[in-house]
Amino acid sequence: MPSNARATSLTRRGLLAAGGALGLGAALAACGSEKAGSGAAGGSAEKAGPWKFTDDRGTAVEAKSTPKNIVAFTGMAAALKDFGIEVKGVFGPTTVKDPKTGEVRPDVQAGDLDVTKVKVIGNVWGEFKIEEYLKLNPDLLITDMWEKNDLWYVPAEQKDKILKVAPSVALWASDKSMPAVLQRHADLAASLGADVKTKRILADKARFEAAAERVRQAAKGKKDIKVLIGSGSPDLFYVSTPVRPTDTVYFKELGVNLVTPTALDQGGWFEGLSWENVDKYQADIIMLDNRTSALQPEALKSKPTWAALPAVKAGQVIPRVTEPIYSYAKCAPLLEDLAKALENAKKVS
């Protein structure tokens, strides 16, 4: 789960500092007018006739024809691209600026998206430029769901107004095992016109399944290796529970020995430790939040207690993709990296 952004509330949304609401009145007044013609942004095959998809809220989303002008959370857009569906606009972490060179590059959550060819209507938490959203004449908004009916990166204070513009689809990004979540993303892409049984996608799926078996065998041989899921911030180190995120749920199913924190936040996602107490849980491998909003290993060198951790001293820290891109192409490497780490790990805790 995204545990690296901080706020006073301990709800999962409260982890991300919400920005101010945009002025929506004038923009929404225009949404009652007839939409302009749609551009082709769909998948590899056109689908005629009525479209219907039941999302993970249990909502049956319907349209007179298959949506083409799609706006999606960045990670969702990246997953859909891997399945053969292009979107017109995105919201969520899409680009980052290199603090040294000033170069703008794709965020890790953008995957293979060409960020120069999609309209970015929000790049940080709380930012959703509804005027730009309306200009895209959206047929459909798609995002993740980490809590029931909580649309990821759709600002809560604007949600009702945003959802009046176009139908929305939400798919689980928690509380389900990764293979089930991947299948739901494939189902959505197929409904939008993609051929999800191409040779490339089938090969990606086979690679994912082979990687899962490799993790299973590695975990079987390294039952004593403890793996901790963590995320660093300037003031706290967050130890994530493995029982809710889709990746760690699957890791547990595959037999990985994951550290489970005991004093979770009220949302049941993580335990925040002061840097003085960062050694509360012993671990042989640390999977560290890879998002640009979390402190990375280079920045963590300034924390003496971090440097003293056995896993850190042993060089057994690997990136953890906290918000996976739910395509087989992007999830297979996550399993391969974990398998390799387990295979090479030494008992240090």
Protein backbone atom coordinates (compact mmCIF):
# COMPACT_ATOMS: atom_id res chain seq x y z
CA MET A 1 0.00 0.00 0.00
CA PRO A 2 1.14 3.59 -0.50
CA SER A 3 2.54 4.28 2.94
CA ASN A 4 5.10 6.91 2.13
CA ALA A 5 3.10 10.12 1.97
CA ARG A 6 2.13 11.57 5.29
CA ALA A 7 -0.76 13.40 6.89
CA THR A 8 -2.33 13.71 10.30
CA SER A 9 -5.14 11.24 9.66
CA LEU A 10 -4.26 7.55 9.90
CA THR A 11 -6.72 6.46 7.25
CA ARG A 12 -5.15 5.20 4.05
CA ARG A 13 -6.23 8.31 2.16
CA GLY A 14 -4.87 10.38 5.00
CA LEU A 15 -1.40 9.14 4.19
CA LEU A 16 -1.37 11.41 1.16
CA ALA A 17 -1.56 15.13 1.77
CA ALA A 18 -4.69 16.26 0.02
CA GLY A 19 -4.41 19.43 -2.03
CA GLY A 20 -6.98 22.21 -2.22
CA ALA A 21 -10.16 21.71 -4.19
CA LEU A 22 -10.28 23.14 -7.67
CA GLY A 23 -12.92 25.61 -8.67
CA LEU A 24 -15.39 23.41 -10.52
CA GLY A 25 -18.61 25.33 -10.85
CA ALA A 26 -18.02 27.00 -14.19
CA ALA A 27 -16.36 23.96 -15.70
CA LEU A 28 -19.13 21.58 -14.68
CA ALA A 29 -21.75 23.90 -16.08
CA ALA A 30 -20.41 22.96 -19.48
CA CYS A 31 -20.71 19.23 -18.92
CA GLY A 32 -24.43 19.33 -19.52
CA SER A 33 -23.79 20.30 -23.13
CA GLU A 34 -23.39 17.70 -25.85
CA LYS A 35 -19.92 16.15 -26.08
CA ALA A 36 -17.76 16.67 -29.12
CA GLY A 37 -16.89 13.75 -31.37
CA SER A 38 -14.74 11.06 -29.83
CA GLY A 39 -11.26 10.27 -31.05
CA ALA A 40 -10.07 6.69 -31.41
CA ALA A 41 -8.33 5.68 -28.21
CA GLY A 42 -9.62 2.18 -27.83
CA GLY A 43 -8.02 -1.22 -28.15
CA SER A 44 -6.96 -3.36 -31.03
CA ALA A 45 -10.48 -4.26 -32.06
CA GLU A 46 -13.57 -2.10 -32.40
CA LYS A 47 -16.68 -3.32 -30.59
CA ALA A 48 -20.06 -2.20 -31.82
CA GLY A 49 -23.26 -2.05 -29.87
CA PRO A 50 -23.94 -1.57 -26.15
CA TRP A 51 -21.09 -1.94 -23.65
CA LYS A 52 -21.41 -3.24 -20.10
CA PHE A 53 -18.88 -4.08 -17.41
CA THR A 54 -19.49 -4.91 -13.76
CA ASP A 55 -16.66 -3.46 -11.70
CA ASP A 56 -15.35 -4.43 -8.27
CA ARG A 57 -17.82 -2.17 -6.48
CA GLY A 58 -20.48 -4.44 -7.92
CA THR A 59 -21.59 -1.59 -10.17
CA ALA A 60 -22.80 -2.49 -13.65
CA VAL A 61 -21.36 0.29 -15.82
CA GLU A 62 -23.13 0.68 -19.15
CA ALA A 63 -22.77 2.75 -22.32
CA LYS A 64 -24.40 2.80 -25.75
CA SER A 65 -21.06 1.87 -27.32
CA THR A 66 -17.61 0.80 -26.20
CA PRO A 67 -15.85 3.75 -24.53
CA LYS A 68 -13.02 5.27 -26.54
CA ASN A 69 -12.16 8.49 -24.70
CA ILE A 70 -10.80 6.92 -21.53
CA VAL A 71 -9.19 8.72 -18.60
CA ALA A 72 -7.46 6.56 -16.00
CA PHE A 73 -5.24 6.55 -12.95
CA THR A 74 -1.67 6.40 -14.23
CA GLY A 75 -0.92 2.85 -13.07
CA MET A 76 -4.22 1.64 -14.48
CA ALA A 77 -3.49 3.34 -17.79
CA ALA A 78 -0.09 1.64 -17.92
CA ALA A 79 -1.69 -1.76 -17.28
CA LEU A 80 -4.33 -1.21 -19.95
CA LYS A 81 -1.62 -0.24 -22.43
CA ASP A 82 0.11 -3.58 -21.84
CA PHE A 83 -3.20 -5.30 -22.59
CA GLY A 84 -3.73 -3.26 -25.76
CA ILE A 85 -5.89 -0.32 -24.67
CA GLU A 86 -4.77 3.30 -24.99
CA VAL A 87 -6.17 6.14 -22.88
CA LYS A 88 -6.54 9.85 -23.59
CA GLY A 89 -5.77 11.23 -20.15
CA VAL A 90 -4.24 10.22 -16.83
CA PHE A 91 -4.18 11.33 -13.21
CA GLY A 92 -1.75 10.26 -10.54
CA PRO A 93 2.08 10.15 -10.45
CA THR A 94 3.03 10.38 -14.12
CA THR A 95 6.19 12.48 -14.42
CA VAL A 96 9.02 13.46 -12.09
CA LYS A 97 11.74 16.06 -12.39
CA ASP A 98 15.33 15.08 -11.72
CA PRO A 99 16.45 17.38 -8.87
CA LYS A 100 19.99 17.54 -10.26
CA THR A 101 19.43 17.92 -13.99
CA GLY A 102 15.88 19.27 -14.12
CA GLU A 103 15.05 16.59 -16.67
CA VAL A 104 11.42 15.47 -16.68
CA ARG A 105 11.02 11.71 -16.95
CA PRO A 106 8.20 9.18 -16.51
CA ASP A 107 7.34 8.19 -12.96
CA VAL A 108 7.80 4.52 -12.07
CA GLN A 109 4.02 4.17 -12.06
CA ALA A 110 3.78 5.24 -15.70
CA GLY A 111 5.23 1.98 -17.02
CA ASP A 112 5.50 2.07 -20.80
CA LEU A 113 3.11 4.98 -21.24
CA ASP A 114 4.33 7.67 -23.61
CA VAL A 115 3.79 10.51 -21.15
CA THR A 116 4.14 13.05 -23.94
CA LYS A 117 1.06 11.69 -25.72
CA VAL A 118 -1.42 11.56 -22.86
CA LYS A 119 -3.04 14.53 -21.16
CA VAL A 120 -1.93 14.68 -17.53
CA ILE A 121 -4.82 16.16 -15.56
CA GLY A 122 -3.21 15.52 -12.19
CA ASN A 123 0.34 14.56 -11.25
CA VAL A 124 0.20 14.71 -7.45
CA TRP A 125 -2.22 13.75 -4.70
CA GLY A 126 -5.26 16.02 -4.62
CA GLU A 127 -4.70 17.39 -8.13
CA PHE A 128 -7.47 16.69 -10.64
CA LYS A 129 -7.90 19.44 -13.25
CA ILE A 130 -11.54 19.03 -14.06
CA GLU A 131 -11.49 21.70 -16.77
CA GLU A 132 -8.88 19.66 -18.63
CA TYR A 133 -10.85 16.49 -17.93
CA LEU A 134 -13.92 17.98 -19.58
CA LYS A 135 -11.92 18.99 -22.66
CA LEU A 136 -11.13 15.31 -23.25
CA ASN A 137 -14.85 14.53 -23.62
CA PRO A 138 -14.40 11.44 -21.44
CA ASP A 139 -16.54 8.36 -22.01
CA LEU A 140 -15.12 6.53 -19.01
CA LEU A 141 -12.98 7.10 -15.91
CA ILE A 142 -11.04 4.11 -14.52
CA THR A 143 -9.05 3.84 -11.32
CA ASP A 144 -7.89 1.54 -8.53
CA MET A 145 -9.74 0.88 -5.30
CA TRP A 146 -7.81 0.21 -2.07
CA GLU A 147 -10.84 0.63 0.19
CA LYS A 148 -14.43 -0.12 -0.80
CA ASN A 149 -15.90 2.69 -2.92
CA ASP A 150 -12.78 4.85 -2.43
CA LEU A 151 -11.57 5.83 -5.90
CA TRP A 152 -7.80 6.12 -5.87
CA TYR A 153 -6.45 9.60 -6.69
CA VAL A 154 -9.95 10.98 -7.25
CA PRO A 155 -10.04 13.80 -4.67
CA ALA A 156 -12.73 13.04 -2.10
CA GLU A 157 -13.93 16.64 -2.02
CA GLN A 158 -14.48 16.62 -5.80
CA LYS A 159 -15.64 13.05 -6.22
CA ASP A 160 -19.37 13.71 -6.62
CA LYS A 161 -18.79 16.40 -9.25
CA ILE A 162 -16.21 14.37 -11.15
CA LEU A 163 -18.44 11.30 -11.31
CA LYS A 164 -21.21 13.33 -12.94
CA VAL A 165 -19.06 13.88 -16.01
CA ALA A 166 -18.67 10.25 -17.15
CA PRO A 167 -19.25 6.70 -15.91
CA SER A 168 -16.52 5.21 -13.72
CA VAL A 169 -14.97 1.78 -13.21
CA ALA A 170 -13.00 0.79 -10.10
CA LEU A 171 -10.94 -2.40 -9.70
CA TRP A 172 -9.50 -3.75 -6.47
CA ALA A 173 -5.84 -3.05 -5.75
CA SER A 174 -5.96 -4.66 -2.30
CA ASP A 175 -7.45 -7.53 -0.30
CA LYS A 176 -7.22 -9.87 -3.30
CA SER A 177 -4.38 -12.03 -4.52
CA MET A 178 -2.39 -10.73 -7.47
CA PRO A 179 -3.49 -13.38 -10.03
CA ALA A 180 -7.17 -12.56 -9.42
CA VAL A 181 -6.49 -8.83 -9.78
CA LEU A 182 -4.53 -9.40 -12.99
CA GLN A 183 -7.43 -11.37 -14.41
CA ARG A 184 -9.85 -8.54 -13.64
CA HIS A 185 -7.64 -6.09 -15.51
CA ALA A 186 -7.52 -8.46 -18.47
CA ASP A 187 -11.30 -8.77 -18.34
CA LEU A 188 -11.71 -5.00 -18.39
CA ALA A 189 -9.30 -4.61 -21.32
CA ALA A 190 -11.14 -7.34 -23.24
CA SER A 191 -14.47 -5.59 -22.67
CA LEU A 192 -12.94 -2.43 -24.12
CA GLY A 193 -11.95 -4.21 -27.31
CA ALA A 194 -8.48 -5.61 -26.63
CA ASP A 195 -7.35 -9.05 -27.75
CA VAL A 196 -5.93 -10.36 -24.47
CA LYS A 197 -4.90 -13.69 -26.00
CA THR A 198 -2.18 -12.45 -28.30
CA LYS A 199 1.08 -14.38 -28.39
CA ARG A 200 2.79 -11.59 -26.48
CA ILE A 201 0.24 -11.49 -23.67
CA LEU A 202 0.12 -15.28 -23.39
CA ALA A 203 3.91 -15.31 -23.21
CA ASP A 204 3.82 -12.64 -20.51
CA LYS A 205 1.32 -14.74 -18.54
CA ALA A 206 3.47 -17.85 -18.89
CA ARG A 207 6.48 -15.87 -17.67
CA PHE A 208 4.45 -14.67 -14.67
CA GLU A 209 3.38 -18.20 -13.79
CA ALA A 210 6.94 -19.51 -14.14
CA ALA A 211 8.21 -16.71 -11.91
CA ALA A 212 5.57 -17.56 -9.30
CA GLU A 213 6.73 -21.17 -9.24
CA ARG A 214 10.33 -20.00 -8.90
CA VAL A 215 9.34 -17.92 -5.84
CA ARG A 216 7.50 -20.93 -4.40
CA GLN A 217 10.57 -23.14 -4.74
CA ALA A 218 12.91 -20.45 -3.40
CA ALA A 219 10.66 -19.85 -0.40
CA LYS A 220 10.50 -23.58 0.28
CA GLY A 221 14.27 -23.72 0.42
CA LYS A 222 14.63 -20.56 2.52
CA LYS A 223 11.87 -20.88 5.10
CA ASP A 224 14.00 -19.18 7.74
CA ILE A 225 14.58 -16.05 5.64
CA LYS A 226 12.37 -13.25 6.93
CA VAL A 227 11.25 -10.56 4.49
CA LEU A 228 10.13 -7.13 5.67
CA ILE A 229 8.08 -4.72 3.53
CA GLY A 230 9.08 -1.15 4.33
CA SER A 231 8.81 2.47 3.26
CA GLY A 232 11.00 5.35 4.41
CA SER A 233 10.06 8.94 5.18
CA PRO A 234 12.09 11.67 6.89
CA ASP A 235 10.52 11.02 10.30
CA LEU A 236 9.23 7.45 10.26
CA PHE A 237 9.86 4.04 8.77
CA TYR A 238 6.65 2.27 7.80
CA VAL A 239 6.45 -1.51 8.08
CA SER A 240 3.58 -2.71 5.91
CA THR A 241 1.28 -5.57 6.77
CA PRO A 242 1.37 -8.40 4.23
CA VAL A 243 -2.30 -9.28 4.62
CA ARG A 244 -3.87 -6.54 2.46
CA PRO A 245 -1.71 -5.55 -0.55
CA THR A 246 -2.22 -7.84 -3.54
CA ASP A 247 1.47 -8.55 -4.04
CA THR A 248 2.21 -9.54 -0.46
CA VAL A 249 -1.00 -11.57 -0.21
CA TYR A 250 0.36 -13.58 -3.14
CA PHE A 251 3.87 -13.76 -1.69
CA LYS A 252 2.39 -15.32 1.44
CA GLU A 253 0.45 -17.82 -0.67
CA LEU A 254 3.72 -18.77 -2.33
CA GLY A 255 5.29 -19.46 1.05
CA VAL A 256 7.41 -16.36 1.60
CA ASN A 257 8.11 -15.71 5.30
CA LEU A 258 6.90 -12.11 5.63
CA VAL A 259 7.20 -9.96 8.74
CA THR A 260 3.79 -8.96 10.13
CA PRO A 261 3.77 -5.77 12.24
CA THR A 262 1.68 -5.92 15.40
CA ALA A 263 0.64 -2.29 16.00
CA LEU A 264 -1.13 -1.31 12.80
CA ASP A 265 -2.69 2.02 11.91
CA GLN A 266 -6.46 2.28 12.12
CA GLY A 267 -6.81 1.32 8.47
CA GLY A 268 -4.86 -1.88 9.07
CA TRP A 269 -2.09 -1.10 6.59
CA PHE A 270 1.19 -0.42 8.39
CA GLU A 271 3.04 0.34 11.60
CA GLY A 272 5.04 3.55 11.77
CA LEU A 273 8.36 3.28 13.60
CA SER A 274 10.59 6.14 14.69
CA TRP A 275 14.08 5.86 13.26
CA GLU A 276 15.33 5.15 16.78
CA ASN A 277 13.13 2.03 16.83
CA VAL A 278 13.58 0.96 13.22
CA ASP A 279 15.11 -2.34 14.37
CA LYS A 280 11.93 -3.48 16.15
CA TYR A 281 11.42 -6.27 13.61
CA GLN A 282 14.28 -8.52 12.55
CA ALA A 283 14.55 -9.24 8.84
CA ASP A 284 16.97 -10.82 6.41
CA ILE A 285 15.60 -9.08 3.32
CA ILE A 286 13.99 -5.65 3.17
CA MET A 287 11.73 -4.84 0.24
CA LEU A 288 11.82 -1.03 0.08
CA ASP A 289 9.07 1.12 -1.42
CA ASN A 290 10.32 2.20 -4.86
CA ARG A 291 7.98 5.14 -5.43
CA THR A 292 9.50 8.54 -6.05
CA SER A 293 7.66 9.94 -3.03
CA ALA A 294 9.47 7.53 -0.66
CA LEU A 295 13.08 7.78 0.51
CA GLN A 296 15.35 5.57 -1.55
CA PRO A 297 18.55 3.81 -0.36
CA GLU A 298 20.83 6.72 -1.26
CA ALA A 299 18.78 9.12 0.87
CA LEU A 300 18.53 6.61 3.70
CA LYS A 301 22.31 6.52 4.09
CA SER A 302 21.95 9.56 6.35
CA LYS A 303 19.98 7.46 8.86
CA PRO A 304 22.53 5.67 11.12
CA THR A 305 19.95 3.23 12.45
CA TRP A 306 19.03 2.24 8.91
CA ALA A 307 22.65 1.59 8.02
CA ALA A 308 22.96 -0.62 11.10
CA LEU A 309 20.16 -2.99 10.13
CA PRO A 310 21.50 -6.50 9.35
CA ALA A 311 19.74 -6.68 5.97
CA VAL A 312 21.18 -3.31 4.98
CA LYS A 313 24.70 -4.24 6.06
CA ALA A 314 24.39 -7.50 4.11
CA GLY A 315 23.24 -5.72 0.96
CA GLN A 316 19.91 -7.55 1.07
CA VAL A 317 17.63 -4.62 0.26
CA ILE A 318 15.59 -4.81 -2.93
CA PRO A 319 13.00 -2.47 -4.44
CA ARG A 320 9.36 -3.16 -3.75
CA VAL A 321 6.84 -1.98 -6.35
CA THR A 322 4.27 -0.75 -3.85
CA GLU A 323 1.63 0.04 -6.45
CA PRO A 324 2.06 -2.63 -9.14
CA ILE A 325 1.06 -2.10 -12.74
CA TYR A 326 -1.42 -4.94 -13.12
CA SER A 327 -0.30 -6.56 -16.33
CA TYR A 328 1.54 -9.87 -16.64
CA ALA A 329 4.39 -8.04 -18.35
CA LYS A 330 4.96 -5.80 -15.34
CA CYS A 331 4.21 -8.26 -12.53
CA ALA A 332 6.40 -11.11 -13.77
CA PRO A 333 9.65 -9.19 -13.05
CA LEU A 334 8.46 -8.46 -9.50
CA LEU A 335 8.30 -12.19 -8.81
CA GLU A 336 11.59 -12.86 -10.59
CA ASP A 337 13.37 -10.24 -8.49
CA LEU A 338 11.93 -11.68 -5.27
CA ALA A 339 12.89 -15.21 -6.27
CA LYS A 340 16.45 -14.11 -7.00
CA ALA A 341 16.68 -12.29 -3.67
CA LEU A 342 15.45 -15.37 -1.79
CA GLU A 343 17.79 -17.68 -3.67
CA ASN A 344 20.81 -15.52 -2.84
CA ALA A 345 19.83 -14.47 0.69
CA LYS A 346 21.87 -15.30 3.76
CA LYS A 347 20.44 -15.54 7.25
CA VAL A 348 21.54 -12.33 8.99
CA SER A 349 18.82 -11.58 11.54
